[in-house]
Amino acid sequence: MRLLTIGAFGRASGLTVKALRIYADLGLLRPAAVDPDSGYRYYAPDQLELARLVARLRRTWWTRVGSTRPWRWRTGNGRC
């Protein structure tokens, strides 16, 4: 299976690299592999379905809320 770089995966899923890093740290969408020397993150094509769902939910939720304040309340870490 060919893995995608975090940038290619982000473009294909509609998520930013920053969001992917945050979701990985939260355990929501972990990379399929991480290069031990460089730390580069790689994602499998079969992870795209979940990533696209997360992107759709985020866009829907974000447009309805219009503020980061509820996100801070829900996650407790203030990151988006």
PDB file of N, CA and C in Angstrom:
ATOM      1  N   MET A   1       0.839  -1.171   0.000  1.00  0.00           N
ATOM      2  CA  MET A   1       0.000   0.000   0.000  1.00  0.00           C
ATOM      3  C   MET A   1       0.890   1.242   0.000  1.00  0.00           C
ATOM      4  N   ARG A   2       0.581   2.163  -0.868  1.00  0.00           N
ATOM      5  CA  ARG A   2       1.353   3.393  -0.951  1.00  0.00           C
ATOM      6  C   ARG A   2       0.820   4.410   0.060  1.00  0.00           C
ATOM      7  N   LEU A   3       1.707   4.970   0.846  1.00  0.00           N
ATOM      8  CA  LEU A   3       1.322   5.948   1.856  1.00  0.00           C
ATOM      9  C   LEU A   3       1.431   7.365   1.296  1.00  0.00           C
ATOM     10  N   LEU A   4       0.616   8.253   1.855  1.00  0.00           N
ATOM     11  CA  LEU A   4       0.596   9.650   1.440  1.00  0.00           C
ATOM     12  C   LEU A   4       1.324  10.508   2.469  1.00  0.00           C
ATOM     13  N   THR A   5       2.038  11.514   1.996  1.00  0.00           N
ATOM     14  CA  THR A   5       2.644  12.467   2.923  1.00  0.00           C
ATOM     15  C   THR A   5       1.528  13.243   3.603  1.00  0.00           C
ATOM     16  N   ILE A   6       1.836  13.896   4.693  1.00  0.00           N
ATOM     17  CA  ILE A   6       0.825  14.648   5.418  1.00  0.00           C
ATOM     18  C   ILE A   6       0.242  15.765   4.535  1.00  0.00           C
ATOM     19  N   GLY A   7       1.073  16.378   3.690  1.00  0.00           N
ATOM     20  CA  GLY A   7       0.585  17.436   2.807  1.00  0.00           C
ATOM     21  C   GLY A   7      -0.371  16.902   1.758  1.00  0.00           C
ATOM     22  N   ALA A   8      -0.003  15.793   1.126  1.00  0.00           N
ATOM     23  CA  ALA A   8      -0.868  15.184   0.112  1.00  0.00           C
ATOM     24  C   ALA A   8      -2.166  14.687   0.746  1.00  0.00           C
ATOM     25  N   PHE A   9      -2.060  14.114   1.930  1.00  0.00           N
ATOM     26  CA  PHE A   9      -3.244  13.625   2.623  1.00  0.00           C
ATOM     27  C   PHE A   9      -4.154  14.787   3.011  1.00  0.00           C
ATOM     28  N   GLY A  10      -3.561  15.875   3.452  1.00  0.00           N
ATOM     29  CA  GLY A  10      -4.342  17.055   3.806  1.00  0.00           C
ATOM     30  C   GLY A  10      -5.100  17.609   2.612  1.00  0.00           C
ATOM     31  N   ARG A  11      -4.437  17.699   1.469  1.00  0.00           N
ATOM     32  CA  ARG A  11      -5.107  18.194   0.260  1.00  0.00           C
ATOM     33  C   ARG A  11      -6.231  17.269  -0.163  1.00  0.00           C
ATOM     34  N   ALA A  12      -6.011  15.977  -0.067  1.00  0.00           N
ATOM     35  CA  ALA A  12      -7.021  15.002  -0.481  1.00  0.00           C
ATOM     36  C   ALA A  12      -8.212  14.957   0.476  1.00  0.00           C
ATOM     37  N   SER A  13      -7.976  15.258   1.734  1.00  0.00           N
ATOM     38  CA  SER A  13      -9.036  15.150   2.732  1.00  0.00           C
ATOM     39  C   SER A  13      -9.749  16.462   3.016  1.00  0.00           C
ATOM     40  N   GLY A  14      -9.099  17.580   2.703  1.00  0.00           N
ATOM     41  CA  GLY A  14      -9.685  18.875   3.029  1.00  0.00           C
ATOM     42  C   GLY A  14      -9.303  19.379   4.410  1.00  0.00           C
ATOM     43  N   LEU A  15      -8.331  18.732   5.031  1.00  0.00           N
ATOM     44  CA  LEU A  15      -7.846  19.168   6.338  1.00  0.00           C
ATOM     45  C   LEU A  15      -6.471  19.808   6.185  1.00  0.00           C
ATOM     46  N   THR A  16      -6.170  20.760   7.039  1.00  0.00           N
ATOM     47  CA  THR A  16      -4.853  21.379   7.005  1.00  0.00           C
ATOM     48  C   THR A  16      -3.835  20.472   7.687  1.00  0.00           C
ATOM     49  N   VAL A  17      -2.584  20.705   7.391  1.00  0.00           N
ATOM     50  CA  VAL A  17      -1.507  19.957   8.046  1.00  0.00           C
ATOM     51  C   VAL A  17      -1.560  20.192   9.545  1.00  0.00           C
ATOM     52  N   LYS A  18      -1.825  21.428   9.939  1.00  0.00           N
ATOM     53  CA  LYS A  18      -1.918  21.754  11.361  1.00  0.00           C
ATOM     54  C   LYS A  18      -3.040  20.951  12.026  1.00  0.00           C
ATOM     55  N   ALA A  19      -4.205  20.885  11.375  1.00  0.00           N
ATOM     56  CA  ALA A  19      -5.323  20.118  11.930  1.00  0.00           C
ATOM     57  C   ALA A  19      -4.966  18.641  12.034  1.00  0.00           C
ATOM     58  N   LEU A  20      -4.309  18.105  11.016  1.00  0.00           N
ATOM     59  CA  LEU A  20      -3.913  16.697  11.058  1.00  0.00           C
ATOM     60  C   LEU A  20      -2.967  16.419  12.219  1.00  0.00           C
ATOM     61  N   ARG A  21      -2.052  17.329  12.477  1.00  0.00           N
ATOM     62  CA  ARG A  21      -1.127  17.143  13.604  1.00  0.00           C
ATOM     63  C   ARG A  21      -1.887  17.163  14.936  1.00  0.00           C
ATOM     64  N   ILE A  22      -2.836  18.077  15.048  1.00  0.00           N
ATOM     65  CA  ILE A  22      -3.628  18.166  16.279  1.00  0.00           C
ATOM     66  C   ILE A  22      -4.461  16.903  16.461  1.00  0.00           C
ATOM     67  N   TYR A  23      -5.121  16.452  15.395  1.00  0.00           N
ATOM     68  CA  TYR A  23      -5.944  15.246  15.498  1.00  0.00           C
ATOM     69  C   TYR A  23      -5.092  14.017  15.809  1.00  0.00           C
ATOM     70  N   ALA A  24      -3.877  13.985  15.314  1.00  0.00           N
ATOM     71  CA  ALA A  24      -2.968  12.882  15.650  1.00  0.00           C
ATOM     72  C   ALA A  24      -2.620  12.924  17.138  1.00  0.00           C
ATOM     73  N   ASP A  25      -2.313  14.120  17.642  1.00  0.00           N
ATOM     74  CA  ASP A  25      -1.977  14.267  19.064  1.00  0.00           C
ATOM     75  C   ASP A  25      -3.156  13.899  19.964  1.00  0.00           C
ATOM     76  N   LEU A  26      -4.382  14.186  19.502  1.00  0.00           N
ATOM     77  CA  LEU A  26      -5.578  13.856  20.274  1.00  0.00           C
ATOM     78  C   LEU A  26      -5.973  12.386  20.143  1.00  0.00           C
ATOM     79  N   GLY A  27      -5.348  11.676  19.192  1.00  0.00           N
ATOM     80  CA  GLY A  27      -5.672  10.275  18.977  1.00  0.00           C
ATOM     81  C   GLY A  27      -6.855  10.056  18.056  1.00  0.00           C
ATOM     82  N   LEU A  28      -7.349  11.121  17.441  1.00  0.00           N
ATOM     83  CA  LEU A  28      -8.505  11.004  16.554  1.00  0.00           C
ATOM     84  C   LEU A  28      -8.144  10.430  15.190  1.00  0.00           C
ATOM     85  N   LEU A  29      -7.022  10.861  14.652  1.00  0.00           N
ATOM     86  CA  LEU A  29      -6.611  10.428  13.316  1.00  0.00           C
ATOM     87  C   LEU A  29      -5.088  10.313  13.298  1.00  0.00           C
ATOM     88  N   ARG A  30      -4.613   9.188  13.749  1.00  0.00           N
ATOM     89  CA  ARG A  30      -3.161   8.966  13.834  1.00  0.00           C
ATOM     90  C   ARG A  30      -2.595   8.573  12.476  1.00  0.00           C
ATOM     91  N   PRO A  31      -1.371   8.977  12.178  1.00  0.00           N
ATOM     92  CA  PRO A  31      -0.735   8.566  10.917  1.00  0.00           C
ATOM     93  C   PRO A  31      -0.532   7.051  10.893  1.00  0.00           C
ATOM     94  N   ALA A  32      -0.541   6.502   9.698  1.00  0.00           N
ATOM     95  CA  ALA A  32      -0.303   5.067   9.537  1.00  0.00           C
ATOM     96  C   ALA A  32       1.154   4.733   9.830  1.00  0.00           C
ATOM     97  N   ALA A  33       2.041   5.688   9.572  1.00  0.00           N
ATOM     98  CA  ALA A  33       3.470   5.482   9.811  1.00  0.00           C
ATOM     99  C   ALA A  33       4.136   6.823  10.083  1.00  0.00           C
ATOM    100  N   VAL A  34       5.187   6.772  10.884  1.00  0.00           N
ATOM    101  CA  VAL A  34       6.014   7.956  11.154  1.00  0.00           C
ATOM    102  C   VAL A  34       7.460   7.541  10.939  1.00  0.00           C
ATOM    103  N   ASP A  35       8.157   8.283  10.099  1.00  0.00           N
ATOM    104  CA  ASP A  35       9.566   7.985   9.842  1.00  0.00           C
ATOM    105  C   ASP A  35      10.356   8.231  11.125  1.00  0.00           C
ATOM    106  N   PRO A  36      11.066   7.240  11.641  1.00  0.00           N
ATOM    107  CA  PRO A  36      11.778   7.405  12.909  1.00  0.00           C
ATOM    108  C   PRO A  36      12.923   8.417  12.846  1.00  0.00           C
ATOM    109  N   ASP A  37      13.496   8.605  11.671  1.00  0.00           N
ATOM    110  CA  ASP A  37      14.618   9.543  11.553  1.00  0.00           C
ATOM    111  C   ASP A  37      14.151  10.985  11.366  1.00  0.00           C
ATOM    112  N   SER A  38      13.191  11.185  10.472  1.00  0.00           N
ATOM    113  CA  SER A  38      12.767  12.546  10.141  1.00  0.00           C
ATOM    114  C   SER A  38      11.532  13.003  10.911  1.00  0.00           C
ATOM    115  N   GLY A  39      10.735  12.048  11.411  1.00  0.00           N
ATOM    116  CA  GLY A  39       9.493  12.406  12.084  1.00  0.00           C
ATOM    117  C   GLY A  39       8.352  12.693  11.111  1.00  0.00           C
ATOM    118  N   TYR A  40       8.605  12.525   9.813  1.00  0.00           N
ATOM    119  CA  TYR A  40       7.554  12.753   8.817  1.00  0.00           C
ATOM    120  C   TYR A  40       6.406  11.793   9.065  1.00  0.00           C
ATOM    121  N   ARG A  41       5.190  12.308   8.875  1.00  0.00           N
ATOM    122  CA  ARG A  41       3.982  11.505   9.086  1.00  0.00           C
ATOM    123  C   ARG A  41       3.434  11.070   7.735  1.00  0.00           C
ATOM    124  N   TYR A  42       2.998   9.834   7.677  1.00  0.00           N
ATOM    125  CA  TYR A  42       2.434   9.273   6.449  1.00  0.00           C
ATOM    126  C   TYR A  42       1.077   8.652   6.758  1.00  0.00           C
ATOM    127  N   TYR A  43       0.146   8.850   5.849  1.00  0.00           N
ATOM    128  CA  TYR A  43      -1.214   8.357   6.019  1.00  0.00           C
ATOM    129  C   TYR A  43      -1.565   7.371   4.913  1.00  0.00           C
ATOM    130  N   ALA A  44      -2.397   6.396   5.242  1.00  0.00           N
ATOM    131  CA  ALA A  44      -2.843   5.387   4.278  1.00  0.00           C
ATOM    132  C   ALA A  44      -4.081   5.907   3.540  1.00  0.00           C
ATOM    133  N   PRO A  45      -4.217   5.550   2.271  1.00  0.00           N
ATOM    134  CA  PRO A  45      -5.400   5.969   1.513  1.00  0.00           C
ATOM    135  C   PRO A  45      -6.717   5.545   2.162  1.00  0.00           C
ATOM    136  N   ASP A  46      -6.721   4.422   2.872  1.00  0.00           N
ATOM    137  CA  ASP A  46      -7.976   3.987   3.495  1.00  0.00           C
ATOM    138  C   ASP A  46      -8.367   4.841   4.710  1.00  0.00           C
ATOM    139  N   GLN A  47      -7.513   5.782   5.114  1.00  0.00           N
ATOM    140  CA  GLN A  47      -7.844   6.715   6.189  1.00  0.00           C
ATOM    141  C   GLN A  47      -8.580   7.947   5.662  1.00  0.00           C
ATOM    142  N   LEU A  48      -8.646   8.081   4.344  1.00  0.00           N
ATOM    143  CA  LEU A  48      -9.265   9.266   3.750  1.00  0.00           C
ATOM    144  C   LEU A  48     -10.747   9.399   4.091  1.00  0.00           C
ATOM    145  N   GLU A  49     -11.452   8.300   4.141  1.00  0.00           N
ATOM    146  CA  GLU A  49     -12.887   8.370   4.426  1.00  0.00           C
ATOM    147  C   GLU A  49     -13.141   9.024   5.786  1.00  0.00           C
ATOM    148  N   LEU A  50     -12.419   8.588   6.810  1.00  0.00           N
ATOM    149  CA  LEU A  50     -12.566   9.187   8.137  1.00  0.00           C
ATOM    150  C   LEU A  50     -12.130  10.647   8.124  1.00  0.00           C
ATOM    151  N   ALA A  51     -11.018  10.937   7.471  1.00  0.00           N
ATOM    152  CA  ALA A  51     -10.510  12.304   7.430  1.00  0.00           C
ATOM    153  C   ALA A  51     -11.505  13.241   6.737  1.00  0.00           C
ATOM    154  N   ARG A  52     -12.116  12.781   5.659  1.00  0.00           N
ATOM    155  CA  ARG A  52     -13.111  13.606   4.956  1.00  0.00           C
ATOM    156  C   ARG A  52     -14.347  13.820   5.814  1.00  0.00           C
ATOM    157  N   LEU A  53     -14.730  12.813   6.572  1.00  0.00           N
ATOM    158  CA  LEU A  53     -15.858  12.964   7.492  1.00  0.00           C
ATOM    159  C   LEU A  53     -15.526  14.007   8.557  1.00  0.00           C
ATOM    160  N   VAL A  54     -14.342  13.923   9.120  1.00  0.00           N
ATOM    161  CA  VAL A  54     -13.909  14.901  10.126  1.00  0.00           C
ATOM    162  C   VAL A  54     -13.919  16.304   9.525  1.00  0.00           C
ATOM    163  N   ALA A  55     -13.435  16.437   8.296  1.00  0.00           N
ATOM    164  CA  ALA A  55     -13.409  17.748   7.634  1.00  0.00           C
ATOM    165  C   ALA A  55     -14.828  18.282   7.437  1.00  0.00           C
ATOM    166  N   ARG A  56     -15.743  17.425   7.005  1.00  0.00           N
ATOM    167  CA  ARG A  56     -17.136  17.860   6.803  1.00  0.00           C
ATOM    168  C   ARG A  56     -17.773  18.267   8.126  1.00  0.00           C
ATOM    169  N   LEU A  57     -17.575  17.463   9.149  1.00  0.00           N
ATOM    170  CA  LEU A  57     -18.141  17.797  10.454  1.00  0.00           C
ATOM    171  C   LEU A  57     -17.548  19.090  10.999  1.00  0.00           C
ATOM    172  N   ARG A  58     -16.265  19.259  10.804  1.00  0.00           N
ATOM    173  CA  ARG A  58     -15.614  20.471  11.286  1.00  0.00           C
ATOM    174  C   ARG A  58     -16.158  21.703  10.570  1.00  0.00           C
ATOM    175  N   ARG A  59     -16.299  21.619   9.252  1.00  0.00           N
ATOM    176  CA  ARG A  59     -16.841  22.758   8.495  1.00  0.00           C
ATOM    177  C   ARG A  59     -18.271  23.063   8.914  1.00  0.00           C
ATOM    178  N   THR A  60     -19.079  22.035   9.079  1.00  0.00           N
ATOM    179  CA  THR A  60     -20.473  22.231   9.473  1.00  0.00           C
ATOM    180  C   THR A  60     -20.555  22.838  10.862  1.00  0.00           C
ATOM    181  N   TRP A  61     -19.817  22.265  11.789  1.00  0.00           N
ATOM    182  CA  TRP A  61     -19.830  22.770  13.160  1.00  0.00           C
ATOM    183  C   TRP A  61     -19.269  24.180  13.225  1.00  0.00           C
ATOM    184  N   TRP A  62     -18.159  24.422  12.543  1.00  0.00           N
ATOM    185  CA  TRP A  62     -17.491  25.719  12.600  1.00  0.00           C
ATOM    186  C   TRP A  62     -18.374  26.825  12.037  1.00  0.00           C
ATOM    187  N   THR A  63     -19.066  26.564  10.929  1.00  0.00           N
ATOM    188  CA  THR A  63     -19.900  27.596  10.328  1.00  0.00           C
ATOM    189  C   THR A  63     -21.105  27.906  11.206  1.00  0.00           C
ATOM    190  N   ARG A  64     -21.580  26.935  11.954  1.00  0.00           N
ATOM    191  CA  ARG A  64     -22.716  27.182  12.839  1.00  0.00           C
ATOM    192  C   ARG A  64     -22.299  27.909  14.112  1.00  0.00           C
ATOM    193  N   VAL A  65     -21.133  27.607  14.608  1.00  0.00           N
ATOM    194  CA  VAL A  65     -20.679  28.213  15.847  1.00  0.00           C
ATOM    195  C   VAL A  65     -20.038  29.573  15.585  1.00  0.00           C
ATOM    196  N   GLY A  66     -19.120  29.637  14.605  1.00  0.00           N
ATOM    197  CA  GLY A  66     -18.482  30.899  14.253  1.00  0.00           C
ATOM    198  C   GLY A  66     -17.492  31.418  15.269  1.00  0.00           C
ATOM    199  N   SER A  67     -17.088  30.595  16.220  1.00  0.00           N
ATOM    200  CA  SER A  67     -16.168  31.031  17.253  1.00  0.00           C
ATOM    201  C   SER A  67     -15.358  29.840  17.741  1.00  0.00           C
ATOM    202  N   THR A  68     -14.163  30.117  18.255  1.00  0.00           N
ATOM    203  CA  THR A  68     -13.345  29.033  18.810  1.00  0.00           C
ATOM    204  C   THR A  68     -13.691  28.768  20.268  1.00  0.00           C
ATOM    205  N   ARG A  69     -14.463  29.625  20.878  1.00  0.00           N
ATOM    206  CA  ARG A  69     -14.752  29.482  22.304  1.00  0.00           C
ATOM    207  C   ARG A  69     -15.374  28.129  22.664  1.00  0.00           C
ATOM    208  N   PRO A  70     -16.419  27.657  21.950  1.00  0.00           N
ATOM    209  CA  PRO A  70     -16.957  26.333  22.302  1.00  0.00           C
ATOM    210  C   PRO A  70     -15.948  25.206  22.091  1.00  0.00           C
ATOM    211  N   TRP A  71     -15.064  25.364  21.094  1.00  0.00           N
ATOM    212  CA  TRP A  71     -14.048  24.325  20.874  1.00  0.00           C
ATOM    213  C   TRP A  71     -13.151  24.234  22.103  1.00  0.00           C
ATOM    214  N   ARG A  72     -12.771  25.380  22.632  1.00  0.00           N
ATOM    215  CA  ARG A  72     -11.933  25.373  23.834  1.00  0.00           C
ATOM    216  C   ARG A  72     -12.661  24.702  24.988  1.00  0.00           C
ATOM    217  N   TRP A  73     -13.938  24.983  25.088  1.00  0.00           N
ATOM    218  CA  TRP A  73     -14.711  24.394  26.168  1.00  0.00           C
ATOM    219  C   TRP A  73     -14.806  22.883  26.004  1.00  0.00           C
ATOM    220  N   ARG A  74     -15.004  22.410  24.772  1.00  0.00           N
ATOM    221  CA  ARG A  74     -15.177  20.985  24.547  1.00  0.00           C
ATOM    222  C   ARG A  74     -13.875  20.208  24.714  1.00  0.00           C
ATOM    223  N   THR A  75     -12.758  20.743  24.248  1.00  0.00           N
ATOM    224  CA  THR A  75     -11.505  19.999  24.305  1.00  0.00           C
ATOM    225  C   THR A  75     -10.690  20.345  25.538  1.00  0.00           C
ATOM    226  N   GLY A  76     -10.898  21.541  26.075  1.00  0.00           N
ATOM    227  CA  GLY A  76     -10.155  21.952  27.240  1.00  0.00           C
ATOM    228  C   GLY A  76      -8.730  22.372  26.975  1.00  0.00           C
ATOM    229  N   ASN A  77      -8.325  22.388  25.669  1.00  0.00           N
ATOM    230  CA  ASN A  77      -6.934  22.751  25.399  1.00  0.00           C
ATOM    231  C   ASN A  77      -6.816  24.000  24.534  1.00  0.00           C
ATOM    232  N   GLY A  78      -7.916  24.550  24.061  1.00  0.00           N
ATOM    233  CA  GLY A  78      -7.867  25.787  23.310  1.00  0.00           C
ATOM    234  C   GLY A  78      -7.322  25.678  21.911  1.00  0.00           C
ATOM    235  N   ARG A  79      -7.025  24.474  21.454  1.00  0.00           N
ATOM    236  CA  ARG A  79      -6.490  24.314  20.113  1.00  0.00           C
ATOM    237  C   ARG A  79      -7.598  23.979  19.140  1.00  0.00           C
ATOM    238  N   CYS A  80      -7.404  24.392  17.917  1.00  0.00           N
ATOM    239  CA  CYS A  80      -8.400  24.101  16.903  1.00  0.00           C
ATOM    240  C   CYS A  80      -7.754  23.504  15.684  1.00  0.00           C
TER     241      CYS A  80
END
